[in-house]
Amino acid sequence: MEKLEKDQLLIKAMDEFGHYLTRLAYAFVKDEARAEDIIQEVFIRYYINLEKFEGRSSVKTYLYRITVNECHNYFKSWAYRKMEFSNLVNNLLTNKQTTEEEILQKEQTEYVAKKINELPSKYKEVLWLHYYAELSVLEIGEVLQCSPNTVKTRLVRGRNAARLTLNEEEIEHARRH
């Protein structure tokens, strides 16, 4: 397949299905900018794999499947999990309504801080820099003079050691309260 033909197929798919796919991605991620990023990735994948498309389904169905897969990949991504955890911690720190809720939130915040402080320093510093100073993995690597992969490993091990990894149900429960 020649480049001109691939370009024409991409433009046609973007014109016909771009808005539909963006709405689909938005229904999953509930964030317009993220949905647009996902759709951009969908069309990149479509363009790269055009020669492999066998036509056993319609282009719309093919793009729909890629979009759903990309949304699932987003929810599995490091960025999404970090954002969810950060939002949970921020909600615990800032969402004060009643005295009772304030006390419960303070206790939970203190519990999280205590659990982090009990960790070995190599995990503690990475968690604090990541969640409280809100530094990226690359920035933490520069600060600690280690590779980004080392930072990622320490984040995972630190969360596991502190048992701060929350399942979806716990995150949803915390979001409602």
N, C-alpha and C. Protein backbone atom coordinates (compact mmCIF):
# COMPACT_ATOMS: atom_id res chain seq x y z
N MET A 1 0.85 -1.17 0.00
CA MET A 1 0.00 0.00 0.00
C MET A 1 0.90 1.24 0.00
N GLU A 2 0.61 2.15 -0.89
CA GLU A 2 1.43 3.34 -1.01
C GLU A 2 1.04 4.38 0.03
N LYS A 3 1.98 5.29 0.29
CA LYS A 3 1.78 6.32 1.31
C LYS A 3 0.57 7.19 0.98
N LEU A 4 0.40 7.57 -0.27
CA LEU A 4 -0.73 8.42 -0.66
C LEU A 4 -2.05 7.73 -0.36
N GLU A 5 -2.12 6.44 -0.67
CA GLU A 5 -3.35 5.68 -0.41
C GLU A 5 -3.61 5.58 1.09
N LYS A 6 -2.55 5.31 1.88
CA LYS A 6 -2.70 5.25 3.34
C LYS A 6 -3.16 6.60 3.89
N ASP A 7 -2.58 7.68 3.38
CA ASP A 7 -2.96 9.03 3.83
C ASP A 7 -4.43 9.30 3.54
N GLN A 8 -4.89 8.90 2.36
CA GLN A 8 -6.29 9.12 1.98
C GLN A 8 -7.24 8.31 2.87
N LEU A 9 -6.87 7.06 3.15
CA LEU A 9 -7.69 6.23 4.03
C LEU A 9 -7.75 6.80 5.45
N LEU A 10 -6.63 7.31 5.92
CA LEU A 10 -6.59 7.92 7.25
C LEU A 10 -7.49 9.16 7.30
N ILE A 11 -7.36 10.02 6.31
CA ILE A 11 -8.17 11.25 6.29
C ILE A 11 -9.66 10.90 6.22
N LYS A 12 -10.00 9.92 5.40
CA LYS A 12 -11.40 9.49 5.29
C LYS A 12 -11.91 8.97 6.64
N ALA A 13 -11.12 8.14 7.30
CA ALA A 13 -11.52 7.58 8.60
C ALA A 13 -11.65 8.69 9.64
N MET A 14 -10.73 9.63 9.64
CA MET A 14 -10.80 10.73 10.60
C MET A 14 -12.04 11.57 10.38
N ASP A 15 -12.35 11.85 9.12
CA ASP A 15 -13.54 12.65 8.81
C ASP A 15 -14.83 11.92 9.19
N GLU A 16 -14.90 10.64 8.86
CA GLU A 16 -16.12 9.88 9.10
C GLU A 16 -16.34 9.50 10.56
N PHE A 17 -15.26 9.13 11.26
CA PHE A 17 -15.42 8.54 12.58
C PHE A 17 -14.78 9.30 13.72
N GLY A 18 -14.06 10.36 13.43
CA GLY A 18 -13.33 11.09 14.47
C GLY A 18 -14.22 11.56 15.61
N HIS A 19 -15.33 12.22 15.26
CA HIS A 19 -16.22 12.75 16.29
C HIS A 19 -16.85 11.61 17.10
N TYR A 20 -17.29 10.58 16.41
CA TYR A 20 -17.91 9.42 17.07
C TYR A 20 -16.93 8.76 18.04
N LEU A 21 -15.70 8.56 17.60
CA LEU A 21 -14.70 7.91 18.44
C LEU A 21 -14.32 8.78 19.63
N THR A 22 -14.28 10.09 19.43
CA THR A 22 -13.96 11.00 20.53
C THR A 22 -15.05 10.92 21.60
N ARG A 23 -16.30 10.87 21.17
CA ARG A 23 -17.41 10.73 22.12
C ARG A 23 -17.31 9.40 22.87
N LEU A 24 -16.94 8.35 22.15
CA LEU A 24 -16.78 7.04 22.78
C LEU A 24 -15.68 7.08 23.82
N ALA A 25 -14.53 7.63 23.48
CA ALA A 25 -13.42 7.71 24.43
C ALA A 25 -13.80 8.58 25.62
N TYR A 26 -14.50 9.67 25.37
CA TYR A 26 -14.93 10.55 26.46
C TYR A 26 -15.87 9.80 27.42
N ALA A 27 -16.72 8.94 26.88
CA ALA A 27 -17.63 8.16 27.73
C ALA A 27 -16.84 7.28 28.70
N PHE A 28 -15.68 6.83 28.28
CA PHE A 28 -14.83 6.01 29.14
C PHE A 28 -14.07 6.86 30.15
N VAL A 29 -13.35 7.87 29.68
CA VAL A 29 -12.39 8.57 30.53
C VAL A 29 -12.93 9.83 31.19
N LYS A 30 -14.05 10.35 30.73
CA LYS A 30 -14.70 11.54 31.32
C LYS A 30 -13.77 12.76 31.37
N ASP A 31 -12.91 12.88 30.37
CA ASP A 31 -11.99 14.01 30.29
C ASP A 31 -11.76 14.29 28.81
N GLU A 32 -12.16 15.47 28.37
CA GLU A 32 -12.11 15.79 26.94
C GLU A 32 -10.69 15.74 26.38
N ALA A 33 -9.75 16.32 27.10
CA ALA A 33 -8.37 16.34 26.61
C ALA A 33 -7.81 14.91 26.53
N ARG A 34 -8.06 14.10 27.53
CA ARG A 34 -7.58 12.71 27.50
C ARG A 34 -8.23 11.94 26.35
N ALA A 35 -9.53 12.17 26.15
CA ALA A 35 -10.24 11.49 25.06
C ALA A 35 -9.61 11.85 23.71
N GLU A 36 -9.29 13.12 23.52
CA GLU A 36 -8.66 13.54 22.27
C GLU A 36 -7.27 12.92 22.12
N ASP A 37 -6.53 12.82 23.20
CA ASP A 37 -5.21 12.17 23.15
C ASP A 37 -5.35 10.70 22.77
N ILE A 38 -6.35 10.05 23.34
CA ILE A 38 -6.58 8.64 23.04
C ILE A 38 -6.93 8.47 21.57
N ILE A 39 -7.78 9.33 21.04
CA ILE A 39 -8.19 9.23 19.64
C ILE A 39 -7.01 9.50 18.71
N GLN A 40 -6.14 10.41 19.11
CA GLN A 40 -4.94 10.64 18.31
C GLN A 40 -4.12 9.34 18.25
N GLU A 41 -3.97 8.68 19.38
CA GLU A 41 -3.24 7.41 19.42
C GLU A 41 -3.95 6.34 18.59
N VAL A 42 -5.28 6.34 18.60
CA VAL A 42 -6.05 5.38 17.81
C VAL A 42 -5.75 5.56 16.33
N PHE A 43 -5.77 6.80 15.86
CA PHE A 43 -5.51 7.02 14.44
C PHE A 43 -4.06 6.76 14.06
N ILE A 44 -3.14 6.97 14.97
CA ILE A 44 -1.74 6.61 14.70
C ILE A 44 -1.63 5.09 14.54
N ARG A 45 -2.27 4.35 15.45
CA ARG A 45 -2.23 2.88 15.35
C ARG A 45 -2.91 2.41 14.07
N TYR A 46 -4.03 3.03 13.73
CA TYR A 46 -4.74 2.67 12.51
C TYR A 46 -3.83 2.89 11.30
N TYR A 47 -3.17 4.01 11.23
CA TYR A 47 -2.30 4.34 10.10
C TYR A 47 -1.14 3.35 10.01
N ILE A 48 -0.52 3.06 11.14
CA ILE A 48 0.63 2.14 11.15
C ILE A 48 0.21 0.73 10.73
N ASN A 49 -0.98 0.32 11.14
CA ASN A 49 -1.42 -1.06 10.89
C ASN A 49 -2.38 -1.20 9.71
N LEU A 50 -2.48 -0.19 8.87
CA LEU A 50 -3.40 -0.25 7.73
C LEU A 50 -3.14 -1.44 6.83
N GLU A 51 -1.90 -1.77 6.62
CA GLU A 51 -1.58 -2.88 5.73
C GLU A 51 -1.99 -4.23 6.33
N LYS A 52 -2.11 -4.29 7.65
CA LYS A 52 -2.52 -5.53 8.31
C LYS A 52 -4.04 -5.69 8.39
N PHE A 53 -4.77 -4.59 8.16
CA PHE A 53 -6.23 -4.64 8.24
C PHE A 53 -6.75 -5.50 7.10
N GLU A 54 -7.42 -6.59 7.45
CA GLU A 54 -7.86 -7.57 6.47
C GLU A 54 -9.26 -7.29 5.93
N GLY A 55 -9.98 -6.38 6.55
CA GLY A 55 -11.32 -6.05 6.06
C GLY A 55 -12.38 -7.04 6.49
N ARG A 56 -12.10 -7.88 7.47
CA ARG A 56 -13.11 -8.83 7.95
C ARG A 56 -14.23 -8.12 8.71
N SER A 57 -13.96 -6.91 9.16
CA SER A 57 -14.99 -6.09 9.80
C SER A 57 -14.95 -4.73 9.13
N SER A 58 -15.90 -3.89 9.48
CA SER A 58 -15.90 -2.55 8.91
C SER A 58 -14.80 -1.72 9.56
N VAL A 59 -14.43 -0.64 8.90
CA VAL A 59 -13.42 0.26 9.45
C VAL A 59 -13.92 0.83 10.77
N LYS A 60 -15.21 1.13 10.82
CA LYS A 60 -15.80 1.68 12.05
C LYS A 60 -15.64 0.70 13.21
N THR A 61 -15.93 -0.56 13.00
CA THR A 61 -15.79 -1.58 14.04
C THR A 61 -14.33 -1.73 14.45
N TYR A 62 -13.44 -1.71 13.48
CA TYR A 62 -12.02 -1.83 13.73
C TYR A 62 -11.53 -0.66 14.60
N LEU A 63 -11.92 0.55 14.23
CA LEU A 63 -11.52 1.73 15.00
C LEU A 63 -12.17 1.73 16.39
N TYR A 64 -13.40 1.26 16.47
CA TYR A 64 -14.09 1.15 17.76
C TYR A 64 -13.30 0.24 18.70
N ARG A 65 -12.85 -0.90 18.18
CA ARG A 65 -12.10 -1.85 19.00
C ARG A 65 -10.77 -1.26 19.45
N ILE A 66 -10.09 -0.57 18.55
CA ILE A 66 -8.82 0.08 18.91
C ILE A 66 -9.07 1.12 20.00
N THR A 67 -10.15 1.88 19.87
CA THR A 67 -10.47 2.92 20.85
C THR A 67 -10.74 2.32 22.22
N VAL A 68 -11.53 1.28 22.27
CA VAL A 68 -11.82 0.62 23.54
C VAL A 68 -10.53 0.09 24.17
N ASN A 69 -9.69 -0.52 23.36
CA ASN A 69 -8.41 -1.04 23.87
C ASN A 69 -7.53 0.08 24.39
N GLU A 70 -7.48 1.20 23.69
CA GLU A 70 -6.67 2.34 24.14
C GLU A 70 -7.22 2.92 25.45
N CYS A 71 -8.54 2.93 25.60
CA CYS A 71 -9.12 3.41 26.87
C CYS A 71 -8.74 2.47 28.01
N HIS A 72 -8.79 1.19 27.76
CA HIS A 72 -8.38 0.22 28.78
C HIS A 72 -6.90 0.39 29.11
N ASN A 73 -6.08 0.61 28.09
CA ASN A 73 -4.65 0.84 28.32
C ASN A 73 -4.43 2.08 29.17
N TYR A 74 -5.24 3.11 28.93
CA TYR A 74 -5.12 4.34 29.72
C TYR A 74 -5.40 4.06 31.20
N PHE A 75 -6.45 3.28 31.47
CA PHE A 75 -6.79 2.97 32.86
C PHE A 75 -5.74 2.12 33.53
N LYS A 76 -4.97 1.37 32.76
CA LYS A 76 -3.88 0.56 33.31
C LYS A 76 -2.59 1.37 33.43
N SER A 77 -2.57 2.54 32.83
CA SER A 77 -1.33 3.30 32.74
C SER A 77 -0.89 3.86 34.08
N TRP A 78 0.38 4.10 34.16
CA TRP A 78 1.01 4.68 35.34
C TRP A 78 0.42 6.06 35.62
N ALA A 79 0.24 6.86 34.60
CA ALA A 79 -0.28 8.22 34.77
C ALA A 79 -1.67 8.21 35.41
N TYR A 80 -2.53 7.31 34.98
CA TYR A 80 -3.88 7.24 35.53
C TYR A 80 -3.85 6.81 36.99
N ARG A 81 -3.08 5.77 37.29
CA ARG A 81 -3.02 5.29 38.68
C ARG A 81 -2.43 6.36 39.60
N LYS A 82 -1.43 7.06 39.12
CA LYS A 82 -0.83 8.14 39.92
C LYS A 82 -1.87 9.23 40.17
N MET A 83 -2.62 9.59 39.11
CA MET A 83 -3.63 10.64 39.24
C MET A 83 -4.70 10.22 40.25
N GLU A 84 -5.16 8.98 40.17
CA GLU A 84 -6.19 8.51 41.09
C GLU A 84 -5.70 8.55 42.54
N PHE A 85 -4.47 8.08 42.76
CA PHE A 85 -3.92 8.08 44.10
C PHE A 85 -3.73 9.51 44.60
N SER A 86 -3.21 10.39 43.74
CA SER A 86 -3.01 11.79 44.12
C SER A 86 -4.34 12.46 44.45
N ASN A 87 -5.36 12.18 43.64
CA ASN A 87 -6.68 12.76 43.91
C ASN A 87 -7.23 12.26 45.24
N LEU A 88 -7.02 10.99 45.53
CA LEU A 88 -7.48 10.44 46.80
C LEU A 88 -6.77 11.12 47.96
N VAL A 89 -5.46 11.25 47.88
CA VAL A 89 -4.70 11.91 48.95
C VAL A 89 -5.12 13.37 49.08
N ASN A 90 -5.28 14.07 47.94
CA ASN A 90 -5.71 15.47 47.98
C ASN A 90 -7.09 15.62 48.62
N ASN A 91 -7.99 14.71 48.27
CA ASN A 91 -9.33 14.75 48.87
C ASN A 91 -9.25 14.54 50.38
N LEU A 92 -8.38 13.66 50.78
CA LEU A 92 -8.23 13.42 52.22
C LEU A 92 -7.67 14.66 52.92
N LEU A 93 -6.82 15.38 52.23
CA LEU A 93 -6.19 16.55 52.84
C LEU A 93 -7.06 17.80 52.81
N THR A 94 -7.92 17.95 51.79
CA THR A 94 -8.62 19.22 51.62
C THR A 94 -10.13 19.17 51.79
N ASN A 95 -10.76 18.03 51.73
CA ASN A 95 -12.21 17.94 51.74
C ASN A 95 -12.73 17.85 53.17
N LYS A 96 -13.01 19.00 53.79
CA LYS A 96 -13.46 19.02 55.18
C LYS A 96 -14.88 19.59 55.23
N GLN A 97 -15.80 18.79 55.76
CA GLN A 97 -17.18 19.26 55.82
C GLN A 97 -17.67 19.35 57.27
N THR A 98 -17.63 18.27 57.98
CA THR A 98 -18.07 18.30 59.37
C THR A 98 -16.89 18.00 60.27
N THR A 99 -17.07 18.28 61.53
CA THR A 99 -16.00 18.01 62.49
C THR A 99 -15.66 16.53 62.51
N GLU A 100 -16.67 15.68 62.49
CA GLU A 100 -16.43 14.24 62.49
C GLU A 100 -15.65 13.82 61.25
N GLU A 101 -16.08 14.31 60.08
CA GLU A 101 -15.37 13.97 58.84
C GLU A 101 -13.95 14.53 58.86
N GLU A 102 -13.80 15.72 59.41
CA GLU A 102 -12.48 16.34 59.50
C GLU A 102 -11.55 15.48 60.34
N ILE A 103 -12.06 14.98 61.46
CA ILE A 103 -11.25 14.14 62.34
C ILE A 103 -10.89 12.83 61.64
N LEU A 104 -11.87 12.22 60.97
CA LEU A 104 -11.62 10.97 60.25
C LEU A 104 -10.59 11.18 59.13
N GLN A 105 -10.72 12.28 58.41
CA GLN A 105 -9.77 12.56 57.34
C GLN A 105 -8.37 12.82 57.89
N LYS A 106 -8.32 13.52 59.00
CA LYS A 106 -7.02 13.79 59.62
C LYS A 106 -6.37 12.49 60.07
N GLU A 107 -7.17 11.60 60.66
CA GLU A 107 -6.64 10.31 61.09
C GLU A 107 -6.14 9.50 59.90
N GLN A 108 -6.89 9.52 58.81
CA GLN A 108 -6.47 8.76 57.64
C GLN A 108 -5.21 9.37 57.02
N THR A 109 -5.13 10.69 56.97
CA THR A 109 -3.94 11.35 56.45
C THR A 109 -2.73 11.03 57.32
N GLU A 110 -2.94 11.07 58.63
CA GLU A 110 -1.85 10.72 59.54
C GLU A 110 -1.45 9.26 59.38
N TYR A 111 -2.44 8.40 59.14
CA TYR A 111 -2.16 6.99 58.94
C TYR A 111 -1.29 6.78 57.69
N VAL A 112 -1.68 7.46 56.59
CA VAL A 112 -0.91 7.35 55.35
C VAL A 112 0.50 7.88 55.58
N ALA A 113 0.62 9.04 56.22
CA ALA A 113 1.95 9.63 56.48
C ALA A 113 2.77 8.71 57.37
N LYS A 114 2.13 8.12 58.37
CA LYS A 114 2.83 7.20 59.29
C LYS A 114 3.33 5.98 58.53
N LYS A 115 2.47 5.41 57.68
CA LYS A 115 2.86 4.24 56.90
C LYS A 115 4.04 4.57 55.99
N ILE A 116 4.02 5.74 55.38
CA ILE A 116 5.12 6.13 54.50
C ILE A 116 6.39 6.34 55.30
N ASN A 117 6.27 6.98 56.45
CA ASN A 117 7.46 7.25 57.27
C ASN A 117 8.09 5.99 57.85
N GLU A 118 7.33 4.90 57.95
CA GLU A 118 7.86 3.65 58.46
C GLU A 118 8.71 2.90 57.43
N LEU A 119 8.64 3.34 56.19
CA LEU A 119 9.36 2.66 55.12
C LEU A 119 10.84 2.98 55.15
N PRO A 120 11.65 2.10 54.53
CA PRO A 120 13.06 2.44 54.35
C PRO A 120 13.17 3.74 53.55
N SER A 121 14.22 4.49 53.77
CA SER A 121 14.33 5.83 53.19
C SER A 121 14.26 5.83 51.68
N LYS A 122 14.78 4.79 51.00
CA LYS A 122 14.76 4.80 49.54
C LYS A 122 13.33 4.76 48.99
N TYR A 123 12.39 4.16 49.73
CA TYR A 123 11.00 4.14 49.32
C TYR A 123 10.27 5.39 49.80
N LYS A 124 10.56 5.77 51.02
CA LYS A 124 9.90 6.93 51.62
C LYS A 124 10.14 8.18 50.78
N GLU A 125 11.39 8.43 50.42
CA GLU A 125 11.70 9.66 49.69
C GLU A 125 11.04 9.67 48.32
N VAL A 126 10.96 8.52 47.66
CA VAL A 126 10.33 8.46 46.34
C VAL A 126 8.83 8.74 46.46
N LEU A 127 8.18 8.14 47.45
CA LEU A 127 6.74 8.37 47.64
C LEU A 127 6.44 9.83 47.98
N TRP A 128 7.23 10.41 48.87
CA TRP A 128 7.01 11.81 49.23
C TRP A 128 7.23 12.72 48.03
N LEU A 129 8.29 12.50 47.29
CA LEU A 129 8.57 13.35 46.13
C LEU A 129 7.50 13.20 45.06
N HIS A 130 7.01 11.99 44.90
CA HIS A 130 6.03 11.74 43.85
C HIS A 130 4.63 12.27 44.21
N TYR A 131 4.16 11.95 45.40
CA TYR A 131 2.78 12.28 45.75
C TYR A 131 2.61 13.64 46.43
N TYR A 132 3.58 14.05 47.19
CA TYR A 132 3.43 15.30 47.93
C TYR A 132 4.12 16.47 47.23
N ALA A 133 5.30 16.24 46.69
CA ALA A 133 5.99 17.29 45.94
C ALA A 133 5.53 17.29 44.49
N GLU A 134 4.81 16.22 44.08
CA GLU A 134 4.26 16.07 42.74
C GLU A 134 5.31 16.18 41.65
N LEU A 135 6.44 15.56 41.88
CA LEU A 135 7.49 15.51 40.87
C LEU A 135 7.25 14.31 39.95
N SER A 136 7.66 14.44 38.71
CA SER A 136 7.53 13.33 37.77
C SER A 136 8.62 12.30 38.06
N VAL A 137 8.48 11.15 37.44
CA VAL A 137 9.47 10.09 37.61
C VAL A 137 10.85 10.58 37.16
N LEU A 138 10.88 11.28 36.03
CA LEU A 138 12.17 11.80 35.54
C LEU A 138 12.78 12.80 36.52
N GLU A 139 11.94 13.70 37.06
CA GLU A 139 12.43 14.69 38.01
C GLU A 139 12.95 14.02 39.28
N ILE A 140 12.25 13.01 39.75
CA ILE A 140 12.70 12.29 40.95
C ILE A 140 14.04 11.61 40.66
N GLY A 141 14.15 11.03 39.47
CA GLY A 141 15.40 10.40 39.08
C GLY A 141 16.56 11.38 39.10
N GLU A 142 16.31 12.60 38.64
CA GLU A 142 17.35 13.63 38.66
C GLU A 142 17.69 14.03 40.09
N VAL A 143 16.67 14.19 40.93
CA VAL A 143 16.90 14.58 42.31
C VAL A 143 17.70 13.52 43.06
N LEU A 144 17.32 12.26 42.87
CA LEU A 144 17.95 11.17 43.60
C LEU A 144 19.14 10.56 42.85
N GLN A 145 19.40 11.07 41.67
CA GLN A 145 20.50 10.58 40.84
C GLN A 145 20.41 9.08 40.60
N CYS A 146 19.23 8.67 40.10
CA CYS A 146 19.03 7.28 39.71
C CYS A 146 18.17 7.25 38.45
N SER A 147 18.05 6.11 37.85
CA SER A 147 17.32 5.99 36.59
C SER A 147 15.80 6.06 36.83
N PRO A 148 15.03 6.45 35.81
CA PRO A 148 13.56 6.46 35.93
C PRO A 148 13.00 5.07 36.26
N ASN A 149 13.61 4.02 35.72
CA ASN A 149 13.13 2.67 36.03
C ASN A 149 13.33 2.33 37.50
N THR A 150 14.42 2.81 38.08
CA THR A 150 14.65 2.61 39.51
C THR A 150 13.58 3.33 40.32
N VAL A 151 13.25 4.55 39.89
CA VAL A 151 12.21 5.32 40.57
C VAL A 151 10.88 4.58 40.51
N LYS A 152 10.52 4.08 39.32
CA LYS A 152 9.25 3.35 39.16
C LYS A 152 9.22 2.12 40.05
N THR A 153 10.32 1.39 40.07
CA THR A 153 10.40 0.19 40.91
C THR A 153 10.22 0.55 42.39
N ARG A 154 10.89 1.61 42.82
CA ARG A 154 10.77 2.01 44.23
C ARG A 154 9.36 2.49 44.56
N LEU A 155 8.70 3.14 43.61
CA LEU A 155 7.31 3.57 43.85
C LEU A 155 6.41 2.36 44.05
N VAL A 156 6.55 1.38 43.18
CA VAL A 156 5.71 0.18 43.29
C VAL A 156 6.00 -0.55 44.60
N ARG A 157 7.27 -0.76 44.88
CA ARG A 157 7.65 -1.48 46.10
C ARG A 157 7.28 -0.70 47.35
N GLY A 158 7.42 0.62 47.30
CA GLY A 158 7.06 1.46 48.44
C GLY A 158 5.58 1.41 48.72
N ARG A 159 4.76 1.52 47.67
CA ARG A 159 3.30 1.44 47.86
C ARG A 159 2.91 0.07 48.39
N ASN A 160 3.51 -0.96 47.84
CA ASN A 160 3.19 -2.31 48.31
C ASN A 160 3.62 -2.50 49.77
N ALA A 161 4.80 -2.00 50.11
CA ALA A 161 5.28 -2.14 51.49
C ALA A 161 4.40 -1.38 52.47
N ALA A 162 3.90 -0.23 52.04
CA ALA A 162 3.02 0.56 52.92
C ALA A 162 1.57 0.12 52.80
N ARG A 163 1.33 -0.80 51.89
CA ARG A 163 -0.03 -1.26 51.60
C ARG A 163 -0.94 -0.08 51.27
N LEU A 164 -0.43 0.81 50.42
CA LEU A 164 -1.20 1.98 50.00
C LEU A 164 -1.85 1.79 48.65
N THR A 165 -1.64 0.65 48.02
CA THR A 165 -2.27 0.40 46.74
C THR A 165 -3.73 0.10 47.00
N LEU A 166 -4.60 0.92 46.43
CA LEU A 166 -6.03 0.78 46.66
C LEU A 166 -6.68 0.11 45.46
N ASN A 167 -7.68 -0.70 45.73
CA ASN A 167 -8.41 -1.28 44.61
C ASN A 167 -9.47 -0.29 44.15
N GLU A 168 -10.11 -0.59 43.02
CA GLU A 168 -11.07 0.35 42.43
C GLU A 168 -12.22 0.66 43.39
N GLU A 169 -12.68 -0.34 44.13
CA GLU A 169 -13.78 -0.15 45.05
C GLU A 169 -13.41 0.83 46.17
N GLU A 170 -12.21 0.71 46.71
CA GLU A 170 -11.75 1.64 47.76
C GLU A 170 -11.61 3.06 47.22
N ILE A 171 -11.11 3.20 45.99
CA ILE A 171 -10.96 4.52 45.38
C ILE A 171 -12.34 5.15 45.18
N GLU A 172 -13.29 4.36 44.67
CA GLU A 172 -14.64 4.87 44.45
C GLU A 172 -15.30 5.25 45.77
N HIS A 173 -15.10 4.45 46.82
CA HIS A 173 -15.66 4.75 48.13
C HIS A 173 -15.08 6.06 48.67
N ALA A 174 -13.78 6.22 48.53
CA ALA A 174 -13.13 7.45 49.01
C ALA A 174 -13.59 8.66 48.21
N ARG A 175 -13.85 8.47 46.92
CA ARG A 175 -14.31 9.57 46.07
C ARG A 175 -15.70 10.06 46.51
N ARG A 176 -16.55 9.12 46.95
CA ARG A 176 -17.91 9.50 47.35
C ARG A 176 -17.94 10.19 48.71
N HIS A 177 -16.92 9.98 49.54
CA HIS A 177 -16.95 10.54 50.90
C HIS A 177 -16.02 11.67 51.08
